[in-house]
Amino acid sequence: MSFLGFLLLGLIAGAIAKLILPGRQRGGWIATLLLGVVGALVGGWLGSLLFDANLQDFFSLQTWLLAIGGSIVVLLVYGLIVGRRGADSP
């Protein structure tokens, strides 16, 4: 898959992960989309490492599920590090 295809996949995976995760994450849509690209990288790396997944096809269900799963994981970790808005506020 080309770099632009991978970037597009990560942006869409980040948007889908944002829709799947409940609540409000800090950073807004732009940060979420950038974290989606990082998540797609993480998901693809873990998928190829653990499952020997072939990630060359843009329209493969396996590629999309790994990218979305990686984006969800990265968004959850980001939320734990940054914290939720208003969690400590009265």
PDB file of N, CA and C in Angstrom:
ATOM      1  N   MET A   1       0.860  -1.173   0.000  1.00  0.00           N
ATOM      2  CA  MET A   1       0.000   0.000   0.000  1.00  0.00           C
ATOM      3  C   MET A   1       0.905   1.233   0.000  1.00  0.00           C
ATOM      4  N   SER A   2       0.519   2.234  -0.737  1.00  0.00           N
ATOM      5  CA  SER A   2       1.313   3.450  -0.822  1.00  0.00           C
ATOM      6  C   SER A   2       1.173   4.273   0.456  1.00  0.00           C
ATOM      7  N   PHE A   3       2.040   5.250   0.604  1.00  0.00           N
ATOM      8  CA  PHE A   3       2.013   6.117   1.786  1.00  0.00           C
ATOM      9  C   PHE A   3       0.706   6.889   1.858  1.00  0.00           C
ATOM     10  N   LEU A   4       0.238   7.394   0.727  1.00  0.00           N
ATOM     11  CA  LEU A   4      -1.017   8.153   0.728  1.00  0.00           C
ATOM     12  C   LEU A   4      -2.211   7.256   1.067  1.00  0.00           C
ATOM     13  N   GLY A   5      -2.206   6.023   0.585  1.00  0.00           N
ATOM     14  CA  GLY A   5      -3.259   5.075   0.933  1.00  0.00           C
ATOM     15  C   GLY A   5      -3.244   4.763   2.413  1.00  0.00           C
ATOM     16  N   PHE A   6      -2.047   4.587   2.957  1.00  0.00           N
ATOM     17  CA  PHE A   6      -1.915   4.317   4.380  1.00  0.00           C
ATOM     18  C   PHE A   6      -2.376   5.517   5.208  1.00  0.00           C
ATOM     19  N   LEU A   7      -2.027   6.723   4.770  1.00  0.00           N
ATOM     20  CA  LEU A   7      -2.452   7.933   5.467  1.00  0.00           C
ATOM     21  C   LEU A   7      -3.970   8.068   5.448  1.00  0.00           C
ATOM     22  N   LEU A   8      -4.582   7.826   4.312  1.00  0.00           N
ATOM     23  CA  LEU A   8      -6.037   7.882   4.198  1.00  0.00           C
ATOM     24  C   LEU A   8      -6.697   6.831   5.084  1.00  0.00           C
ATOM     25  N   LEU A   9      -6.142   5.631   5.093  1.00  0.00           N
ATOM     26  CA  LEU A   9      -6.654   4.566   5.947  1.00  0.00           C
ATOM     27  C   LEU A   9      -6.584   4.967   7.414  1.00  0.00           C
ATOM     28  N   GLY A  10      -5.472   5.549   7.836  1.00  0.00           N
ATOM     29  CA  GLY A  10      -5.322   5.983   9.220  1.00  0.00           C
ATOM     30  C   GLY A  10      -6.284   7.095   9.596  1.00  0.00           C
ATOM     31  N   LEU A  11      -6.503   8.035   8.702  1.00  0.00           N
ATOM     32  CA  LEU A  11      -7.438   9.126   8.978  1.00  0.00           C
ATOM     33  C   LEU A  11      -8.864   8.601   9.136  1.00  0.00           C
ATOM     34  N   ILE A  12      -9.263   7.711   8.252  1.00  0.00           N
ATOM     35  CA  ILE A  12     -10.611   7.145   8.336  1.00  0.00           C
ATOM     36  C   ILE A  12     -10.743   6.246   9.562  1.00  0.00           C
ATOM     37  N   ALA A  13      -9.702   5.463   9.850  1.00  0.00           N
ATOM     38  CA  ALA A  13      -9.729   4.599  11.035  1.00  0.00           C
ATOM     39  C   ALA A  13      -9.822   5.438  12.305  1.00  0.00           C
ATOM     40  N   GLY A  14      -9.139   6.566  12.355  1.00  0.00           N
ATOM     41  CA  GLY A  14      -9.231   7.464  13.512  1.00  0.00           C
ATOM     42  C   GLY A  14     -10.624   8.038  13.681  1.00  0.00           C
ATOM     43  N   ALA A  15     -11.254   8.391  12.579  1.00  0.00           N
ATOM     44  CA  ALA A  15     -12.621   8.914  12.646  1.00  0.00           C
ATOM     45  C   ALA A  15     -13.597   7.840  13.121  1.00  0.00           C
ATOM     46  N   ILE A  16     -13.426   6.619  12.638  1.00  0.00           N
ATOM     47  CA  ILE A  16     -14.298   5.521  13.071  1.00  0.00           C
ATOM     48  C   ILE A  16     -14.065   5.210  14.541  1.00  0.00           C
ATOM     49  N   ALA A  17     -12.801   5.216  14.974  1.00  0.00           N
ATOM     50  CA  ALA A  17     -12.493   4.970  16.384  1.00  0.00           C
ATOM     51  C   ALA A  17     -13.105   6.046  17.272  1.00  0.00           C
ATOM     52  N   LYS A  18     -13.096   7.280  16.816  1.00  0.00           N
ATOM     53  CA  LYS A  18     -13.704   8.385  17.568  1.00  0.00           C
ATOM     54  C   LYS A  18     -15.207   8.167  17.704  1.00  0.00           C
ATOM     55  N   LEU A  19     -15.842   7.653  16.671  1.00  0.00           N
ATOM     56  CA  LEU A  19     -17.278   7.389  16.728  1.00  0.00           C
ATOM     57  C   LEU A  19     -17.600   6.197  17.634  1.00  0.00           C
ATOM     58  N   ILE A  20     -16.699   5.220  17.677  1.00  0.00           N
ATOM     59  CA  ILE A  20     -16.934   4.024  18.489  1.00  0.00           C
ATOM     60  C   ILE A  20     -16.751   4.313  19.973  1.00  0.00           C
ATOM     61  N   LEU A  21     -15.741   5.094  20.319  1.00  0.00           N
ATOM     62  CA  LEU A  21     -15.449   5.362  21.726  1.00  0.00           C
ATOM     63  C   LEU A  21     -16.465   6.337  22.312  1.00  0.00           C
ATOM     64  N   PRO A  22     -17.053   5.987  23.440  1.00  0.00           N
ATOM     65  CA  PRO A  22     -18.012   6.904  24.057  1.00  0.00           C
ATOM     66  C   PRO A  22     -17.296   8.044  24.782  1.00  0.00           C
ATOM     67  N   GLY A  23     -18.017   9.102  25.029  1.00  0.00           N
ATOM     68  CA  GLY A  23     -17.476  10.225  25.789  1.00  0.00           C
ATOM     69  C   GLY A  23     -16.697  11.187  24.920  1.00  0.00           C
ATOM     70  N   ARG A  24     -16.131  12.170  25.595  1.00  0.00           N
ATOM     71  CA  ARG A  24     -15.383  13.206  24.891  1.00  0.00           C
ATOM     72  C   ARG A  24     -13.899  13.020  25.153  1.00  0.00           C
ATOM     73  N   GLN A  25     -13.139  12.881  24.107  1.00  0.00           N
ATOM     74  CA  GLN A  25     -11.701  12.806  24.232  1.00  0.00           C
ATOM     75  C   GLN A  25     -11.123  14.192  24.029  1.00  0.00           C
ATOM     76  N   ARG A  26     -10.037  14.447  24.689  1.00  0.00           N
ATOM     77  CA  ARG A  26      -9.377  15.739  24.513  1.00  0.00           C
ATOM     78  C   ARG A  26      -8.693  15.800  23.156  1.00  0.00           C
ATOM     79  N   GLY A  27      -8.498  16.994  22.666  1.00  0.00           N
ATOM     80  CA  GLY A  27      -7.727  17.183  21.450  1.00  0.00           C
ATOM     81  C   GLY A  27      -8.551  17.469  20.216  1.00  0.00           C
ATOM     82  N   GLY A  28      -9.809  17.156  20.226  1.00  0.00           N
ATOM     83  CA  GLY A  28     -10.644  17.439  19.069  1.00  0.00           C
ATOM     84  C   GLY A  28     -10.408  16.477  17.924  1.00  0.00           C
ATOM     85  N   TRP A  29     -11.014  16.817  16.790  1.00  0.00           N
ATOM     86  CA  TRP A  29     -10.987  15.924  15.638  1.00  0.00           C
ATOM     87  C   TRP A  29      -9.616  15.827  14.990  1.00  0.00           C
ATOM     88  N   ILE A  30      -8.883  16.925  14.931  1.00  0.00           N
ATOM     89  CA  ILE A  30      -7.580  16.897  14.260  1.00  0.00           C
ATOM     90  C   ILE A  30      -6.612  15.997  15.015  1.00  0.00           C
ATOM     91  N   ALA A  31      -6.554  16.160  16.333  1.00  0.00           N
ATOM     92  CA  ALA A  31      -5.687  15.289  17.135  1.00  0.00           C
ATOM     93  C   ALA A  31      -6.140  13.835  17.035  1.00  0.00           C
ATOM     94  N   THR A  32      -7.445  13.618  17.010  1.00  0.00           N
ATOM     95  CA  THR A  32      -7.963  12.259  16.906  1.00  0.00           C
ATOM     96  C   THR A  32      -7.579  11.625  15.576  1.00  0.00           C
ATOM     97  N   LEU A  33      -7.655  12.381  14.503  1.00  0.00           N
ATOM     98  CA  LEU A  33      -7.282  11.849  13.200  1.00  0.00           C
ATOM     99  C   LEU A  33      -5.785  11.548  13.132  1.00  0.00           C
ATOM    100  N   LEU A  34      -4.976  12.404  13.724  1.00  0.00           N
ATOM    101  CA  LEU A  34      -3.537  12.139  13.764  1.00  0.00           C
ATOM    102  C   LEU A  34      -3.233  10.919  14.624  1.00  0.00           C
ATOM    103  N   LEU A  35      -3.945  10.785  15.739  1.00  0.00           N
ATOM    104  CA  LEU A  35      -3.786   9.594  16.564  1.00  0.00           C
ATOM    105  C   LEU A  35      -4.289   8.360  15.830  1.00  0.00           C
ATOM    106  N   GLY A  36      -5.253   8.537  14.945  1.00  0.00           N
ATOM    107  CA  GLY A  36      -5.728   7.427  14.114  1.00  0.00           C
ATOM    108  C   GLY A  36      -4.650   6.926  13.176  1.00  0.00           C
ATOM    109  N   VAL A  37      -3.867   7.827  12.630  1.00  0.00           N
ATOM    110  CA  VAL A  37      -2.754   7.423  11.769  1.00  0.00           C
ATOM    111  C   VAL A  37      -1.722   6.648  12.588  1.00  0.00           C
ATOM    112  N   VAL A  38      -1.420   7.147  13.796  1.00  0.00           N
ATOM    113  CA  VAL A  38      -0.502   6.427  14.681  1.00  0.00           C
ATOM    114  C   VAL A  38      -1.098   5.066  15.048  1.00  0.00           C
ATOM    115  N   GLY A  39      -2.394   5.040  15.321  1.00  0.00           N
ATOM    116  CA  GLY A  39      -3.061   3.791  15.656  1.00  0.00           C
ATOM    117  C   GLY A  39      -3.042   2.796  14.512  1.00  0.00           C
ATOM    118  N   ALA A  40      -3.189   3.282  13.298  1.00  0.00           N
ATOM    119  CA  ALA A  40      -3.114   2.396  12.141  1.00  0.00           C
ATOM    120  C   ALA A  40      -1.711   1.803  12.014  1.00  0.00           C
ATOM    121  N   LEU A  41      -0.704   2.609  12.308  1.00  0.00           N
ATOM    122  CA  LEU A  41       0.668   2.107  12.327  1.00  0.00           C
ATOM    123  C   LEU A  41       0.836   1.028  13.389  1.00  0.00           C
ATOM    124  N   VAL A  42       0.347   1.313  14.602  1.00  0.00           N
ATOM    125  CA  VAL A  42       0.461   0.357  15.708  1.00  0.00           C
ATOM    126  C   VAL A  42      -0.319  -0.923  15.387  1.00  0.00           C
ATOM    127  N   GLY A  43      -1.545  -0.773  14.918  1.00  0.00           N
ATOM    128  CA  GLY A  43      -2.358  -1.933  14.577  1.00  0.00           C
ATOM    129  C   GLY A  43      -1.734  -2.768  13.471  1.00  0.00           C
ATOM    130  N   GLY A  44      -1.203  -2.116  12.460  1.00  0.00           N
ATOM    131  CA  GLY A  44      -0.549  -2.840  11.372  1.00  0.00           C
ATOM    132  C   GLY A  44       0.713  -3.538  11.835  1.00  0.00           C
ATOM    133  N   TRP A  45       1.489  -2.858  12.656  1.00  0.00           N
ATOM    134  CA  TRP A  45       2.723  -3.461  13.169  1.00  0.00           C
ATOM    135  C   TRP A  45       2.413  -4.672  14.044  1.00  0.00           C
ATOM    136  N   LEU A  46       1.460  -4.515  14.976  1.00  0.00           N
ATOM    137  CA  LEU A  46       1.097  -5.639  15.840  1.00  0.00           C
ATOM    138  C   LEU A  46       0.458  -6.779  15.050  1.00  0.00           C
ATOM    139  N   GLY A  47      -0.363  -6.436  14.078  1.00  0.00           N
ATOM    140  CA  GLY A  47      -0.995  -7.459  13.249  1.00  0.00           C
ATOM    141  C   GLY A  47       0.011  -8.263  12.450  1.00  0.00           C
ATOM    142  N   SER A  48       1.010  -7.586  11.894  1.00  0.00           N
ATOM    143  CA  SER A  48       2.026  -8.312  11.135  1.00  0.00           C
ATOM    144  C   SER A  48       2.950  -9.090  12.061  1.00  0.00           C
ATOM    145  N   LEU A  49       3.168  -8.581  13.262  1.00  0.00           N
ATOM    146  CA  LEU A  49       4.045  -9.257  14.212  1.00  0.00           C
ATOM    147  C   LEU A  49       3.375 -10.479  14.838  1.00  0.00           C
ATOM    148  N   LEU A  50       2.139 -10.310  15.304  1.00  0.00           N
ATOM    149  CA  LEU A  50       1.454 -11.380  16.030  1.00  0.00           C
ATOM    150  C   LEU A  50       0.729 -12.368  15.118  1.00  0.00           C
ATOM    151  N   PHE A  51       0.105 -11.861  14.051  1.00  0.00           N
ATOM    152  CA  PHE A  51      -0.749 -12.703  13.217  1.00  0.00           C
ATOM    153  C   PHE A  51      -0.194 -12.937  11.819  1.00  0.00           C
ATOM    154  N   ASP A  52       0.991 -12.392  11.525  1.00  0.00           N
ATOM    155  CA  ASP A  52       1.590 -12.482  10.202  1.00  0.00           C
ATOM    156  C   ASP A  52       0.601 -11.994   9.130  1.00  0.00           C
ATOM    157  N   ALA A  53      -0.048 -10.878   9.428  1.00  0.00           N
ATOM    158  CA  ALA A  53      -1.081 -10.332   8.549  1.00  0.00           C
ATOM    159  C   ALA A  53      -0.455  -9.643   7.333  1.00  0.00           C
ATOM    160  N   ASN A  54      -1.060  -9.824   6.194  1.00  0.00           N
ATOM    161  CA  ASN A  54      -0.655  -9.155   4.969  1.00  0.00           C
ATOM    162  C   ASN A  54      -1.438  -7.853   4.869  1.00  0.00           C
ATOM    163  N   LEU A  55      -0.751  -6.735   4.894  1.00  0.00           N
ATOM    164  CA  LEU A  55      -1.410  -5.432   4.930  1.00  0.00           C
ATOM    165  C   LEU A  55      -1.211  -4.648   3.641  1.00  0.00           C
ATOM    166  N   GLN A  56      -1.028  -5.320   2.539  1.00  0.00           N
ATOM    167  CA  GLN A  56      -0.765  -4.649   1.280  1.00  0.00           C
ATOM    168  C   GLN A  56      -2.023  -4.195   0.553  1.00  0.00           C
ATOM    169  N   ASP A  57      -3.170  -4.752   0.880  1.00  0.00           N
ATOM    170  CA  ASP A  57      -4.400  -4.445   0.169  1.00  0.00           C
ATOM    171  C   ASP A  57      -5.219  -3.416   0.948  1.00  0.00           C
ATOM    172  N   PHE A  58      -5.534  -2.292   0.307  1.00  0.00           N
ATOM    173  CA  PHE A  58      -6.281  -1.216   0.962  1.00  0.00           C
ATOM    174  C   PHE A  58      -7.703  -1.644   1.299  1.00  0.00           C
ATOM    175  N   PHE A  59      -8.316  -2.448   0.468  1.00  0.00           N
ATOM    176  CA  PHE A  59      -9.718  -2.816   0.652  1.00  0.00           C
ATOM    177  C   PHE A  59      -9.901  -4.125   1.411  1.00  0.00           C
ATOM    178  N   SER A  60      -8.861  -4.600   2.062  1.00  0.00           N
ATOM    179  CA  SER A  60      -8.943  -5.833   2.837  1.00  0.00           C
ATOM    180  C   SER A  60      -9.613  -5.557   4.185  1.00  0.00           C
ATOM    181  N   LEU A  61     -10.556  -6.409   4.565  1.00  0.00           N
ATOM    182  CA  LEU A  61     -11.224  -6.272   5.856  1.00  0.00           C
ATOM    183  C   LEU A  61     -10.229  -6.406   6.996  1.00  0.00           C
ATOM    184  N   GLN A  62      -9.273  -7.286   6.845  1.00  0.00           N
ATOM    185  CA  GLN A  62      -8.250  -7.489   7.864  1.00  0.00           C
ATOM    186  C   GLN A  62      -7.442  -6.210   8.089  1.00  0.00           C
ATOM    187  N   THR A  63      -7.067  -5.519   7.028  1.00  0.00           N
ATOM    188  CA  THR A  63      -6.317  -4.280   7.140  1.00  0.00           C
ATOM    189  C   THR A  63      -7.127  -3.224   7.878  1.00  0.00           C
ATOM    190  N   TRP A  64      -8.403  -3.106   7.539  1.00  0.00           N
ATOM    191  CA  TRP A  64      -9.258  -2.114   8.176  1.00  0.00           C
ATOM    192  C   TRP A  64      -9.481  -2.414   9.655  1.00  0.00           C
ATOM    193  N   LEU A  65      -9.720  -3.679   9.989  1.00  0.00           N
ATOM    194  CA  LEU A  65      -9.951  -4.037  11.387  1.00  0.00           C
ATOM    195  C   LEU A  65      -8.709  -3.797  12.240  1.00  0.00           C
ATOM    196  N   LEU A  66      -7.550  -4.109  11.708  1.00  0.00           N
ATOM    197  CA  LEU A  66      -6.318  -3.844  12.450  1.00  0.00           C
ATOM    198  C   LEU A  66      -6.082  -2.348  12.625  1.00  0.00           C
ATOM    199  N   ALA A  67      -6.354  -1.563  11.602  1.00  0.00           N
ATOM    200  CA  ALA A  67      -6.168  -0.110  11.700  1.00  0.00           C
ATOM    201  C   ALA A  67      -7.146   0.504  12.694  1.00  0.00           C
ATOM    202  N   ILE A  68      -8.402   0.095  12.650  1.00  0.00           N
ATOM    203  CA  ILE A  68      -9.403   0.629  13.587  1.00  0.00           C
ATOM    204  C   ILE A  68      -9.098   0.172  15.007  1.00  0.00           C
ATOM    205  N   GLY A  69      -8.733  -1.100  15.168  1.00  0.00           N
ATOM    206  CA  GLY A  69      -8.376  -1.601  16.495  1.00  0.00           C
ATOM    207  C   GLY A  69      -7.175  -0.881  17.069  1.00  0.00           C
ATOM    208  N   GLY A  70      -6.163  -0.667  16.252  1.00  0.00           N
ATOM    209  CA  GLY A  70      -4.992   0.083  16.703  1.00  0.00           C
ATOM    210  C   GLY A  70      -5.336   1.519  17.060  1.00  0.00           C
ATOM    211  N   SER A  71      -6.233   2.142  16.297  1.00  0.00           N
ATOM    212  CA  SER A  71      -6.658   3.511  16.588  1.00  0.00           C
ATOM    213  C   SER A  71      -7.417   3.587  17.904  1.00  0.00           C
ATOM    214  N   ILE A  72      -8.251   2.604  18.171  1.00  0.00           N
ATOM    215  CA  ILE A  72      -8.986   2.576  19.437  1.00  0.00           C
ATOM    216  C   ILE A  72      -8.014   2.440  20.599  1.00  0.00           C
ATOM    217  N   VAL A  73      -7.043   1.558  20.459  1.00  0.00           N
ATOM    218  CA  VAL A  73      -6.059   1.365  21.530  1.00  0.00           C
ATOM    219  C   VAL A  73      -5.273   2.655  21.777  1.00  0.00           C
ATOM    220  N   VAL A  74      -4.820   3.298  20.707  1.00  0.00           N
ATOM    221  CA  VAL A  74      -4.045   4.537  20.858  1.00  0.00           C
ATOM    222  C   VAL A  74      -4.910   5.635  21.477  1.00  0.00           C
ATOM    223  N   LEU A  75      -6.174   5.741  21.074  1.00  0.00           N
ATOM    224  CA  LEU A  75      -7.055   6.754  21.672  1.00  0.00           C
ATOM    225  C   LEU A  75      -7.310   6.470  23.149  1.00  0.00           C
ATOM    226  N   LEU A  76      -7.461   5.214  23.523  1.00  0.00           N
ATOM    227  CA  LEU A  76      -7.658   4.877  24.934  1.00  0.00           C
ATOM    228  C   LEU A  76      -6.422   5.206  25.757  1.00  0.00           C
ATOM    229  N   VAL A  77      -5.254   4.867  25.247  1.00  0.00           N
ATOM    230  CA  VAL A  77      -4.013   5.178  25.961  1.00  0.00           C
ATOM    231  C   VAL A  77      -3.830   6.693  26.063  1.00  0.00           C
ATOM    232  N   TYR A  78      -4.105   7.409  24.991  1.00  0.00           N
ATOM    233  CA  TYR A  78      -4.022   8.870  25.001  1.00  0.00           C
ATOM    234  C   TYR A  78      -4.979   9.460  26.036  1.00  0.00           C
ATOM    235  N   GLY A  79      -6.197   8.915  26.113  1.00  0.00           N
ATOM    236  CA  GLY A  79      -7.161   9.389  27.094  1.00  0.00           C
ATOM    237  C   GLY A  79      -6.702   9.124  28.517  1.00  0.00           C
ATOM    238  N   LEU A  80      -6.048   8.003  28.754  1.00  0.00           N
ATOM    239  CA  LEU A  80      -5.533   7.709  30.092  1.00  0.00           C
ATOM    240  C   LEU A  80      -4.374   8.627  30.465  1.00  0.00           C
ATOM    241  N   ILE A  81      -3.527   8.937  29.494  1.00  0.00           N
ATOM    242  CA  ILE A  81      -2.376   9.805  29.769  1.00  0.00           C
ATOM    243  C   ILE A  81      -2.812  11.245  29.999  1.00  0.00           C
ATOM    244  N   VAL A  82      -3.648  11.760  29.131  1.00  0.00           N
ATOM    245  CA  VAL A  82      -4.067  13.155  29.200  1.00  0.00           C
ATOM    246  C   VAL A  82      -5.149  13.355  30.254  1.00  0.00           C
ATOM    247  N   GLY A  83      -6.000  12.350  30.445  1.00  0.00           N
ATOM    248  CA  GLY A  83      -7.090  12.463  31.402  1.00  0.00           C
ATOM    249  C   GLY A  83      -8.351  12.990  30.748  1.00  0.00           C
ATOM    250  N   ARG A  84      -9.431  12.778  31.414  1.00  0.00           N
ATOM    251  CA  ARG A  84     -10.728  13.240  30.900  1.00  0.00           C
ATOM    252  C   ARG A  84     -10.992  14.666  31.346  1.00  0.00           C
ATOM    253  N   ARG A  85     -11.691  15.391  30.523  1.00  0.00           N
ATOM    254  CA  ARG A  85     -12.081  16.756  30.879  1.00  0.00           C
ATOM    255  C   ARG A  85     -13.090  16.737  31.999  1.00  0.00           C
ATOM    256  N   GLY A  86     -12.815  17.527  32.999  1.00  0.00           N
ATOM    257  CA  GLY A  86     -13.784  17.664  34.089  1.00  0.00           C
ATOM    258  C   GLY A  86     -13.791  16.506  35.051  1.00  0.00           C
ATOM    259  N   ALA A  87     -12.823  15.626  34.981  1.00  0.00           N
ATOM    260  CA  ALA A  87     -12.819  14.480  35.888  1.00  0.00           C
ATOM    261  C   ALA A  87     -12.536  14.910  37.324  1.00  0.00           C
ATOM    262  N   ASP A  88     -11.687  15.920  37.488  1.00  0.00           N
ATOM    263  CA  ASP A  88     -11.353  16.402  38.819  1.00  0.00           C
ATOM    264  C   ASP A  88     -12.102  17.686  39.182  1.00  0.00           C
ATOM    265  N   SER A  89     -12.896  18.188  38.292  1.00  0.00           N
ATOM    266  CA  SER A  89     -13.629  19.428  38.558  1.00  0.00           C
ATOM    267  C   SER A  89     -14.877  19.145  39.392  1.00  0.00           C
ATOM    268  N   PRO A  90     -15.228  20.090  40.280  1.00  0.00           N
ATOM    269  CA  PRO A  90     -16.462  19.903  41.058  1.00  0.00           C
ATOM    270  C   PRO A  90     -17.706  20.107  40.245  1.00  0.00           C
TER     271      PRO A  90
END
